[in-house]
Amino acid sequence: MKKIILLYLVPLATAFLSCQNLEEMNENPNRSGQTHPKLLLTQVEWSAFSAGVDVSPQYAQKMLVQTDGESSYQYYKWNRGDFRYASLRNVAKMMEEAERVGEKGYVAIGHFFRANYFYQMTLMFGDIPYSEALKGETNDVYQPAYDTQKTVMDGVLQELATADELLRTATGTIDGDIIYGGDTDRWRRLVNAFRLKVLLTLSRRADDADLDVRATFARIYAEEPIMRDGTDDAQLVYLDQEGNRYPEFNSSGFGSGMYMDSTFIRRLQDHQDPRLFLFCTQTKEAKEAGKAIDDFTAYEGGNPVAPYATVNEKATRGKVSKVLERYHQDPTNEPSTLLGYAEQELILAEAAVRGWITADADEHYRNGVKASFKFYETYAKNLGAYVNEAAAGAYLALPANDLASQPDTDARLACILSQKYFRSFFQGSWAALFENMRTGLPEFMRPAGVEIPFRWMYPQSEYNYNASHVSEAISRQFGEGNDRIDRKTWWLK
């Protein structure tokens, strides 16, 4: 009987399926194919902001050293990077849902995050898929062509301009926003500050007539809303709740092998910078000797170009500082800032020194330093007295930190870039490395015979699934078939 039943059921089932839309048949009734963009925005923001809290850049940017093995980032021996398509797909889905429900505020924020991701990606690799990226689901483009880096940067700037325009006229609420609570005015200020950052990144291409970098920068500064003070910072504040804690909380990476870089500590000491006391511990030797926390001689790092075993031997003698415990023991520690008032003001100070805008470079510089001190006064628990307003004033009065007293343009730029560097400890991911690539400041030590890296190799997945386009991009940029990290891309030439 069972066989007879099956013979009748099979043709019936086949006939039934042929009359049904397969997409409808495969749709899970318990999982809707649609959602409100607010449910996606929170995850988009969390992913983008938490990505700034990353240990790897601290090695490349000469802030940390490893003593229990060789760090590829510390010795500039990295190879491939990641295109971050997973994060970008979430942004694309949020924008798609926002268009469906007619909520252009979410579309605007989506353009900002697209701009942020593609900006980071092109700085890491050079030419990348942009105009055809992420169109596999909508346009059946599974092997996207690579756009030139200039095209990508122009697209990034256009997307930011679009975001600003959409936010200017956006109505309704933006729920799910854990950064600004749906405040479109503050989002506009972030978007325009980010436009200034991207334009300054292109300082080596300031004479490009198509991009019109200097004039565009000056127009945005003069006409568009930008950040007013630290309350406009684009930052993710962490909570002591499961899934909302500081990304490095309870991380085992801060164990016996992670120590501070001697060149980073020495620069902070040379500037008599009290942020040193908030970044790292005294050496074991100094602590046992009873030295005060604010004694600059109580801190020492490891040589970033020495063999790791040599640095380990120094550390075992109690002569190397570690990262301060708050970075891995405090579940809320400090917010992750994608772009804040302190950085914006230092960007404006550099632009003023370069003659891009008519502004008081010293005023913007002082604003930036004071804002950085205020950030740490607010969030470095029980350490705020070292970086309060009085401490900031005394710090700025020191000759090494007084922009107005610097003898020439190069010295003024070095002063500003030092402050950008100091505020980037566990903030901004690879930003300090990109600044070093652009300006050569501050100078980073590297082992003898090791080439300076200017990029990452393309992901292996591109060779597996998009080989012709990635090969074409390599040849177009470098005139050869070698995908190497020591090759300069368009923005640096």
Protein backbone atom coordinates (compact mmCIF):
# COMPACT_ATOMS: atom_id res chain seq x y z
CA MET A 1 0.00 0.00 0.00
CA LYS A 2 2.79 2.41 0.81
CA LYS A 3 4.26 2.07 -2.69
CA ILE A 4 0.91 2.71 -4.36
CA ILE A 5 0.37 5.85 -2.28
CA LEU A 6 3.77 7.20 -3.20
CA LEU A 7 3.18 6.69 -6.91
CA TYR A 8 0.12 8.88 -6.74
CA LEU A 9 1.66 11.52 -4.46
CA VAL A 10 4.71 12.24 -6.60
CA PRO A 11 2.90 13.48 -9.73
CA LEU A 12 0.44 15.39 -7.60
CA ALA A 13 3.26 17.16 -5.78
CA THR A 14 5.05 17.89 -9.05
CA ALA A 15 1.95 19.42 -10.55
CA PHE A 16 1.40 21.51 -7.44
CA LEU A 17 4.98 22.85 -7.46
CA SER A 18 4.81 23.75 -11.15
CA CYS A 19 1.91 26.07 -10.41
CA GLN A 20 3.63 27.85 -7.55
CA ASN A 21 6.21 30.63 -7.52
CA LEU A 22 9.31 28.97 -6.08
CA GLU A 23 10.23 32.15 -4.17
CA GLU A 24 6.82 32.05 -2.50
CA MET A 25 7.26 28.36 -1.68
CA ASN A 26 10.69 29.00 -0.13
CA GLU A 27 9.58 31.95 1.94
CA ASN A 28 9.64 31.22 5.66
CA PRO A 29 6.36 32.45 7.17
CA ASN A 30 8.14 32.93 10.49
CA ARG A 31 10.82 35.19 9.00
CA SER A 32 9.63 38.26 7.17
CA GLY A 33 11.57 39.40 4.11
CA GLN A 34 10.94 42.97 5.17
CA THR A 35 11.80 44.92 8.29
CA HIS A 36 11.90 48.48 9.51
CA PRO A 37 15.28 50.19 8.95
CA LYS A 38 15.47 51.10 12.65
CA LEU A 39 16.03 47.42 13.43
CA LEU A 40 19.08 47.42 11.16
CA LEU A 41 20.49 50.84 12.09
CA THR A 42 21.55 49.86 15.60
CA GLN A 43 23.65 46.94 14.33
CA VAL A 44 25.10 49.04 11.50
CA GLU A 45 26.23 51.67 14.00
CA TRP A 46 27.58 49.17 16.51
CA SER A 47 29.67 47.39 13.86
CA ALA A 48 31.10 50.57 12.35
CA PHE A 49 32.00 52.23 15.63
CA SER A 50 33.31 49.18 17.47
CA ALA A 51 35.63 48.46 14.54
CA GLY A 52 37.66 51.47 15.70
CA VAL A 53 38.68 49.58 18.85
CA ASP A 54 41.27 47.30 17.33
CA VAL A 55 44.55 45.97 18.73
CA SER A 56 46.28 45.33 15.39
CA PRO A 57 46.71 49.01 14.39
CA GLN A 58 48.39 49.77 17.70
CA TYR A 59 51.34 47.62 16.65
CA ALA A 60 51.68 49.15 13.19
CA GLN A 61 51.27 52.68 14.62
CA LYS A 62 54.10 52.09 17.11
CA MET A 63 52.02 52.10 20.27
CA LEU A 64 52.31 48.45 21.31
CA VAL A 65 54.92 45.68 21.09
CA GLN A 66 54.51 41.93 21.41
CA THR A 67 56.95 39.88 23.50
CA ASP A 68 55.66 36.29 23.22
CA GLY A 69 55.80 36.04 19.43
CA GLU A 70 56.33 38.10 16.31
CA SER A 71 53.50 40.48 15.41
CA SER A 72 53.19 40.85 11.63
CA TYR A 73 51.80 44.36 12.15
CA GLN A 74 54.63 45.46 14.43
CA TYR A 75 57.25 44.39 11.89
CA TYR A 76 55.28 45.48 8.79
CA LYS A 77 54.90 41.98 7.42
CA TRP A 78 51.15 41.84 6.91
CA ASN A 79 49.60 40.69 3.66
CA ARG A 80 45.87 40.49 2.86
CA GLY A 81 42.97 42.57 4.08
CA ASP A 82 39.18 42.30 4.09
CA PHE A 83 36.67 44.18 1.92
CA ARG A 84 34.09 44.40 4.78
CA TYR A 85 31.29 43.38 2.42
CA ALA A 86 29.30 41.82 5.28
CA SER A 87 29.02 45.18 7.03
CA LEU A 88 28.23 46.95 3.77
CA ARG A 89 25.42 44.48 3.00
CA ASN A 90 23.73 45.46 6.25
CA VAL A 91 23.98 49.12 5.24
CA ALA A 92 22.55 48.32 1.81
CA LYS A 93 19.64 46.41 3.34
CA MET A 94 18.90 49.28 5.73
CA MET A 95 18.82 51.74 2.83
CA GLU A 96 16.58 49.39 0.81
CA GLU A 97 14.09 49.14 3.67
CA ALA A 98 14.24 52.89 4.25
CA GLU A 99 13.37 53.53 0.61
CA ARG A 100 10.49 51.09 0.89
CA VAL A 101 8.93 52.90 3.86
CA GLY A 102 9.85 56.39 2.64
CA GLU A 103 12.21 57.28 5.52
CA LYS A 104 14.99 59.32 3.91
CA GLY A 105 16.73 59.98 7.23
CA TYR A 106 17.85 56.33 7.25
CA VAL A 107 18.87 56.61 3.59
CA ALA A 108 21.05 59.61 4.48
CA ILE A 109 22.74 57.76 7.33
CA GLY A 110 23.21 54.79 5.01
CA HIS A 111 25.09 57.01 2.55
CA PHE A 112 27.32 58.14 5.40
CA PHE A 113 28.21 54.59 6.41
CA ARG A 114 28.75 53.57 2.78
CA ALA A 115 31.12 56.53 2.42
CA ASN A 116 32.94 55.56 5.61
CA TYR A 117 33.44 51.92 4.59
CA PHE A 118 34.50 52.64 1.00
CA TYR A 119 36.83 55.40 2.22
CA GLN A 120 38.55 52.96 4.58
CA MET A 121 38.67 50.24 1.93
CA THR A 122 40.23 52.36 -0.79
CA LEU A 123 42.89 53.67 1.61
CA MET A 124 43.74 50.08 2.49
CA PHE A 125 43.86 48.65 -1.03
CA GLY A 126 43.78 51.33 -3.75
CA ASP A 127 41.39 50.59 -6.64
CA ILE A 128 38.36 48.63 -5.41
CA PRO A 129 34.88 47.61 -6.61
CA TYR A 130 32.59 50.57 -5.95
CA SER A 131 30.02 51.41 -8.64
CA GLU A 132 29.22 47.70 -9.19
CA ALA A 133 29.85 46.52 -5.62
CA LEU A 134 27.05 44.74 -3.72
CA LYS A 135 24.87 44.39 -6.81
CA GLY A 136 24.76 40.61 -6.94
CA GLU A 137 21.29 40.42 -5.42
CA THR A 138 19.76 43.37 -7.29
CA ASN A 139 21.53 43.35 -10.66
CA ASP A 140 23.13 39.88 -10.89
CA VAL A 141 26.61 41.44 -10.84
CA TYR A 142 28.71 38.78 -9.12
CA GLN A 143 32.10 39.86 -10.44
CA PRO A 144 32.17 43.65 -9.98
CA ALA A 145 34.64 45.76 -11.91
CA TYR A 146 37.22 47.78 -9.99
CA ASP A 147 36.93 51.57 -9.99
CA THR A 148 40.01 53.76 -9.81
CA GLN A 149 40.83 55.18 -6.41
CA LYS A 150 40.10 58.67 -7.70
CA THR A 151 36.62 57.55 -8.79
CA VAL A 152 36.01 55.95 -5.40
CA MET A 153 37.08 59.07 -3.51
CA ASP A 154 34.90 61.23 -5.72
CA GLY A 155 32.01 58.85 -5.07
CA VAL A 156 32.64 59.00 -1.33
CA LEU A 157 32.48 62.79 -1.40
CA GLN A 158 29.32 62.72 -3.50
CA GLU A 159 27.64 60.28 -1.13
CA LEU A 160 28.49 62.51 1.83
CA ALA A 161 27.05 65.53 -0.01
CA THR A 162 23.91 63.51 -0.70
CA ALA A 163 23.68 62.52 2.96
CA ASP A 164 23.92 66.16 4.00
CA GLU A 165 21.20 67.20 1.55
CA LEU A 166 18.84 64.42 2.64
CA LEU A 167 19.38 65.22 6.31
CA ARG A 168 18.70 68.89 5.61
CA THR A 169 15.11 68.11 4.68
CA ALA A 170 14.49 64.84 6.54
CA THR A 171 11.30 64.63 8.57
CA GLY A 172 10.03 62.06 11.02
CA THR A 173 12.00 60.23 13.68
CA ILE A 174 15.12 58.11 13.31
CA ASP A 175 14.61 55.33 15.83
CA GLY A 176 17.32 52.83 16.65
CA ASP A 177 20.02 55.51 16.53
CA ILE A 178 22.44 54.82 19.41
CA ILE A 179 24.84 57.59 18.37
CA TYR A 180 22.76 60.79 18.18
CA GLY A 181 19.32 59.63 19.23
CA GLY A 182 17.88 60.59 15.84
CA ASP A 183 19.14 64.20 15.92
CA THR A 184 19.47 65.06 12.22
CA ASP A 185 21.28 68.34 12.94
CA ARG A 186 24.11 66.52 14.73
CA TRP A 187 24.23 63.93 11.97
CA ARG A 188 24.69 66.75 9.46
CA ARG A 189 27.57 68.12 11.52
CA LEU A 190 29.24 64.71 11.52
CA VAL A 191 28.72 64.26 7.78
CA ASN A 192 30.28 67.64 6.98
CA ALA A 193 33.16 67.12 9.40
CA PHE A 194 33.79 63.79 7.68
CA ARG A 195 33.79 65.54 4.30
CA LEU A 196 36.57 67.78 5.61
CA LYS A 197 38.50 64.72 6.79
CA VAL A 198 38.26 63.02 3.39
CA LEU A 199 39.33 66.18 1.59
CA LEU A 200 42.36 66.66 3.85
CA THR A 201 43.27 63.02 3.26
CA LEU A 202 43.66 64.07 -0.39
CA SER A 203 46.19 66.81 0.42
CA ARG A 204 48.70 65.22 -1.98
CA ARG A 205 46.05 65.55 -4.69
CA ALA A 206 45.00 69.08 -3.80
CA ASP A 207 45.81 70.30 -7.32
CA ASP A 208 43.46 67.85 -9.02
CA ALA A 209 41.08 70.06 -11.01
CA ASP A 210 38.29 67.48 -11.06
CA LEU A 211 38.11 67.13 -7.29
CA ASP A 212 38.81 70.82 -6.50
CA VAL A 213 39.94 69.80 -3.01
CA ARG A 214 40.96 73.13 -1.52
CA ALA A 215 37.97 75.13 -2.76
CA THR A 216 35.51 72.43 -1.69
CA PHE A 217 37.09 72.28 1.76
CA ALA A 218 36.87 76.07 2.15
CA ARG A 219 33.24 76.13 1.02
CA ILE A 220 32.14 73.44 3.46
CA TYR A 221 33.98 75.19 6.30
CA ALA A 222 32.36 78.52 5.48
CA GLU A 223 28.83 77.40 4.62
CA GLU A 224 27.92 74.07 6.21
CA PRO A 225 27.25 73.11 9.85
CA ILE A 226 30.13 71.27 11.51
CA MET A 227 30.79 70.14 15.09
CA ARG A 228 30.54 72.85 17.76
CA ASP A 229 32.12 71.10 20.75
CA GLY A 230 32.59 67.67 22.31
CA THR A 231 28.86 67.12 22.69
CA ASP A 232 28.74 66.65 18.91
CA ASP A 233 31.28 63.80 18.97
CA ALA A 234 30.22 60.77 16.94
CA GLN A 235 30.87 58.18 19.60
CA LEU A 236 29.51 54.87 20.79
CA VAL A 237 29.09 54.82 24.57
CA TYR A 238 29.39 51.31 25.99
CA LEU A 239 27.12 49.83 28.66
CA ASP A 240 27.78 47.13 31.23
CA GLN A 241 25.31 44.78 29.60
CA GLU A 242 25.78 41.59 27.64
CA GLY A 243 26.51 42.49 24.02
CA ASN A 244 27.05 46.18 24.81
CA ARG A 245 30.40 46.14 26.58
CA TYR A 246 33.72 47.62 25.46
CA PRO A 247 35.05 45.33 22.70
CA GLU A 248 38.32 44.53 24.49
CA PHE A 249 36.69 43.85 27.87
CA ASN A 250 38.07 40.59 29.30
CA SER A 251 40.25 40.13 26.22
CA SER A 252 43.03 37.59 26.78
CA GLY A 253 45.22 39.51 24.34
CA PHE A 254 46.27 41.88 27.09
CA GLY A 255 48.04 39.07 28.91
CA SER A 256 51.71 38.51 29.45
CA GLY A 257 52.87 39.31 25.90
CA MET A 258 51.43 42.79 25.22
CA TYR A 259 53.51 45.83 26.24
CA MET A 260 53.85 49.49 25.32
CA ASP A 261 56.08 50.73 22.49
CA SER A 262 59.07 52.77 23.64
CA THR A 263 58.75 55.29 20.79
CA PHE A 264 55.14 56.10 21.73
CA ILE A 265 56.02 56.56 25.39
CA ARG A 266 59.06 58.65 24.52
CA ARG A 267 57.01 61.02 22.38
CA LEU A 268 54.50 61.50 25.18
CA GLN A 269 57.36 62.10 27.62
CA ASP A 270 59.02 64.61 25.28
CA HIS A 271 55.75 66.57 25.20
CA GLN A 272 55.21 66.13 28.96
CA ASP A 273 51.82 64.73 27.99
CA PRO A 274 49.73 63.56 30.99
CA ARG A 275 47.61 61.32 28.76
CA LEU A 276 50.52 58.91 29.25
CA PHE A 277 49.20 58.17 32.76
CA LEU A 278 45.82 57.21 31.29
CA PHE A 279 47.21 54.92 28.58
CA CYS A 280 49.63 52.66 30.40
CA THR A 281 50.96 51.39 33.72
CA GLN A 282 54.18 52.31 35.43
CA THR A 283 56.91 49.75 34.96
CA LYS A 284 57.04 47.12 37.69
CA GLU A 285 60.44 48.48 38.67
CA ALA A 286 59.15 52.06 39.00
CA LYS A 287 56.09 51.00 40.98
CA GLU A 288 58.20 49.01 43.43
CA ALA A 289 60.45 52.05 43.79
CA GLY A 290 57.42 54.07 44.91
CA LYS A 291 57.36 56.52 42.02
CA ALA A 292 54.23 58.63 41.64
CA ILE A 293 51.76 58.04 38.82
CA ASP A 294 52.55 61.48 37.36
CA ASP A 295 56.30 60.86 37.35
CA PHE A 296 57.17 60.65 33.66
CA THR A 297 60.27 58.58 34.44
CA ALA A 298 58.06 55.78 35.78
CA TYR A 299 57.13 54.71 32.26
CA GLU A 300 59.15 52.84 29.65
CA GLY A 301 58.38 50.78 26.57
CA GLY A 302 59.90 48.10 24.42
CA ASN A 303 61.90 48.69 21.24
CA PRO A 304 59.48 48.04 18.34
CA VAL A 305 62.19 46.91 15.90
CA ALA A 306 64.16 44.68 18.26
CA PRO A 307 63.56 40.91 18.21
CA TYR A 308 60.62 40.09 20.42
CA ALA A 309 62.76 37.86 22.64
CA THR A 310 65.00 40.86 23.44
CA VAL A 311 62.01 42.96 24.47
CA ASN A 312 60.66 40.04 26.49
CA GLU A 313 63.90 39.84 28.45
CA LYS A 314 63.59 43.56 29.29
CA ALA A 315 59.96 43.07 30.30
CA THR A 316 60.79 40.18 32.63
CA ARG A 317 63.13 42.56 34.47
CA GLY A 318 60.17 44.84 35.16
CA LYS A 319 61.32 47.62 32.83
CA VAL A 320 58.42 47.80 30.34
CA SER A 321 54.96 49.34 30.86
CA LYS A 322 51.75 47.54 29.99
CA VAL A 323 48.45 48.89 28.68
CA LEU A 324 46.45 50.35 31.56
CA GLU A 325 44.00 47.86 33.03
CA ARG A 326 40.94 49.92 32.16
CA TYR A 327 41.26 48.88 28.49
CA HIS A 328 40.53 45.25 29.31
CA GLN A 329 39.01 45.28 32.80
CA ASP A 330 36.44 48.08 32.54
CA PRO A 331 33.31 46.98 30.64
CA THR A 332 32.46 50.59 29.74
CA ASN A 333 35.98 52.10 29.60
CA GLU A 334 35.70 54.95 27.06
CA PRO A 335 33.48 55.50 24.01
CA SER A 336 34.68 54.57 20.55
CA THR A 337 34.84 57.79 18.52
CA LEU A 338 34.47 57.53 14.77
CA LEU A 339 35.08 61.26 14.40
CA GLY A 340 34.98 63.86 17.15
CA TYR A 341 35.35 67.58 17.75
CA ALA A 342 39.00 67.16 18.80
CA GLU A 343 39.95 65.61 15.45
CA GLN A 344 37.84 68.09 13.50
CA GLU A 345 39.61 71.03 15.12
CA LEU A 346 43.03 69.56 14.38
CA ILE A 347 41.92 69.02 10.77
CA LEU A 348 40.95 72.70 10.59
CA ALA A 349 44.24 73.74 12.19
CA GLU A 350 46.17 71.82 9.52
CA ALA A 351 44.01 73.29 6.75
CA ALA A 352 44.67 76.80 8.10
CA VAL A 353 48.43 76.19 8.21
CA ARG A 354 48.31 74.91 4.64
CA GLY A 355 46.41 78.03 3.57
CA TRP A 356 43.24 76.21 2.54
CA ILE A 357 41.03 78.34 4.79
CA THR A 358 41.28 81.78 6.36
CA ALA A 359 41.16 80.89 10.04
CA ASP A 360 43.20 81.07 13.23
CA ALA A 361 45.20 77.84 13.18
CA ASP A 362 46.26 78.29 16.80
CA GLU A 363 42.66 78.64 17.99
CA HIS A 364 41.56 75.46 16.23
CA TYR A 365 44.65 73.64 17.47
CA ARG A 366 44.02 74.65 21.08
CA ASN A 367 40.37 73.68 20.75
CA GLY A 368 41.42 70.24 19.53
CA VAL A 369 43.90 69.61 22.35
CA LYS A 370 41.51 70.84 25.02
CA ALA A 371 38.73 68.66 23.62
CA SER A 372 40.98 65.60 23.74
CA PHE A 373 41.88 66.30 27.36
CA LYS A 374 38.20 66.81 28.18
CA PHE A 375 37.31 63.48 26.60
CA TYR A 376 39.73 61.64 28.87
CA GLU A 377 38.78 63.72 31.90
CA THR A 378 35.21 62.56 31.34
CA TYR A 379 35.78 58.88 30.59
CA ALA A 380 39.08 57.76 32.19
CA LYS A 381 37.60 56.94 35.58
CA ASN A 382 39.50 58.21 38.65
CA LEU A 383 42.20 59.72 36.42
CA GLY A 384 40.47 62.89 35.25
CA ALA A 385 42.52 65.17 37.51
CA TYR A 386 45.59 64.55 35.35
CA VAL A 387 43.88 65.95 32.25
CA ASN A 388 41.52 68.60 33.60
CA GLU A 389 41.19 72.13 32.20
CA ALA A 390 44.12 73.44 34.25
CA ALA A 391 46.30 70.56 33.06
CA ALA A 392 45.37 71.29 29.45
CA GLY A 393 46.29 74.97 29.87
CA ALA A 394 49.65 74.15 31.42
CA TYR A 395 50.32 71.60 28.69
CA LEU A 396 49.61 74.07 25.90
CA ALA A 397 51.96 76.59 27.48
CA LEU A 398 54.94 74.26 27.07
CA PRO A 399 57.17 75.20 24.09
CA ALA A 400 56.82 71.76 22.49
CA ASN A 401 53.03 72.08 22.49
CA ASP A 402 52.63 75.77 21.64
CA LEU A 403 51.66 75.97 17.97
CA ALA A 404 52.08 79.73 17.73
CA SER A 405 55.72 79.57 18.76
CA GLN A 406 56.74 76.97 16.15
CA PRO A 407 59.34 78.47 13.78
CA ASP A 408 57.95 77.46 10.39
CA THR A 409 55.21 75.64 8.49
CA ASP A 410 56.84 72.22 8.78
CA ALA A 411 57.19 72.60 12.55
CA ARG A 412 53.57 73.71 12.87
CA LEU A 413 52.36 70.75 10.84
CA ALA A 414 54.48 68.40 12.97
CA CYS A 415 52.95 69.90 16.11
CA ILE A 416 49.40 69.36 14.84
CA LEU A 417 50.09 65.84 13.58
CA SER A 418 51.60 64.89 16.95
CA GLN A 419 48.31 65.79 18.60
CA LYS A 420 46.35 63.77 16.05
CA TYR A 421 48.63 60.86 16.85
CA PHE A 422 48.35 61.12 20.63
CA ARG A 423 44.54 61.09 20.57
CA SER A 424 44.40 57.94 18.43
CA PHE A 425 45.39 55.37 21.08
CA PHE A 426 42.73 52.66 20.67
CA GLN A 427 40.66 55.21 18.74
CA GLY A 428 40.10 55.40 14.99
CA SER A 429 41.57 52.05 13.99
CA TRP A 430 44.16 52.67 11.22
CA ALA A 431 43.77 56.47 11.05
CA ALA A 432 47.21 57.24 12.50
CA LEU A 433 48.88 54.89 10.00
CA PHE A 434 47.11 56.58 7.09
CA GLU A 435 48.24 59.99 8.43
CA ASN A 436 51.80 58.67 8.54
CA MET A 437 51.51 57.45 4.94
CA ARG A 438 50.19 60.86 3.87
CA THR A 439 52.63 63.08 5.77
CA GLY A 440 55.50 60.92 7.00
CA LEU A 441 54.68 62.14 10.53
CA PRO A 442 55.31 61.02 13.11
CA GLU A 443 58.13 58.86 11.81
CA PHE A 444 57.65 55.15 12.51
CA MET A 445 60.64 52.88 13.12
CA ARG A 446 60.94 49.70 11.08
CA PRO A 447 63.47 46.85 11.04
CA ALA A 448 66.43 47.21 8.71
CA GLY A 449 65.66 46.01 5.21
CA VAL A 450 61.88 46.13 5.66
CA GLU A 451 60.04 48.23 3.09
CA ILE A 452 57.49 50.80 4.24
CA PRO A 453 54.00 49.41 3.56
CA PHE A 454 51.42 51.64 1.87
CA ARG A 455 48.54 49.19 1.41
CA TRP A 456 47.20 45.68 1.92
CA MET A 457 47.10 42.87 -0.64
CA TYR A 458 43.66 42.15 -2.07
CA PRO A 459 41.54 39.44 -0.38
CA GLN A 460 42.10 35.89 -1.56
CA SER A 461 38.39 35.66 -2.32
CA GLU A 462 38.87 38.21 -5.10
CA TYR A 463 41.43 35.94 -6.76
CA ASN A 464 39.06 33.00 -6.35
CA TYR A 465 35.89 34.64 -7.70
CA ASN A 466 36.85 37.91 -9.45
CA ALA A 467 40.28 37.14 -10.84
CA SER A 468 40.13 39.07 -14.12
CA HIS A 469 39.04 42.32 -12.48
CA VAL A 470 41.52 42.18 -9.60
CA SER A 471 44.34 41.37 -12.02
CA GLU A 472 43.37 44.30 -14.23
CA ALA A 473 43.33 46.64 -11.21
CA ILE A 474 46.81 45.56 -10.14
CA SER A 475 48.27 46.09 -13.60
CA ARG A 476 46.54 49.45 -13.99
CA GLN A 477 47.89 50.77 -10.70
CA PHE A 478 51.37 49.33 -10.56
CA GLY A 479 52.25 48.45 -14.14
CA GLU A 480 52.94 44.88 -13.15
CA GLY A 481 51.18 41.81 -11.85
CA ASN A 482 52.51 41.98 -8.29
CA ASP A 483 50.01 42.64 -5.52
CA ARG A 484 52.46 44.02 -2.95
CA ILE A 485 52.08 46.05 0.24
CA ASP A 486 54.98 48.39 -0.55
CA ARG A 487 53.29 49.93 -3.63
CA LYS A 488 51.89 53.46 -3.43
CA THR A 489 48.37 54.00 -4.67
CA TRP A 490 46.95 57.12 -6.35
CA TRP A 491 46.25 59.16 -3.19
CA LEU A 492 49.92 58.97 -2.16
CA LYS A 493 51.58 59.70 -5.49
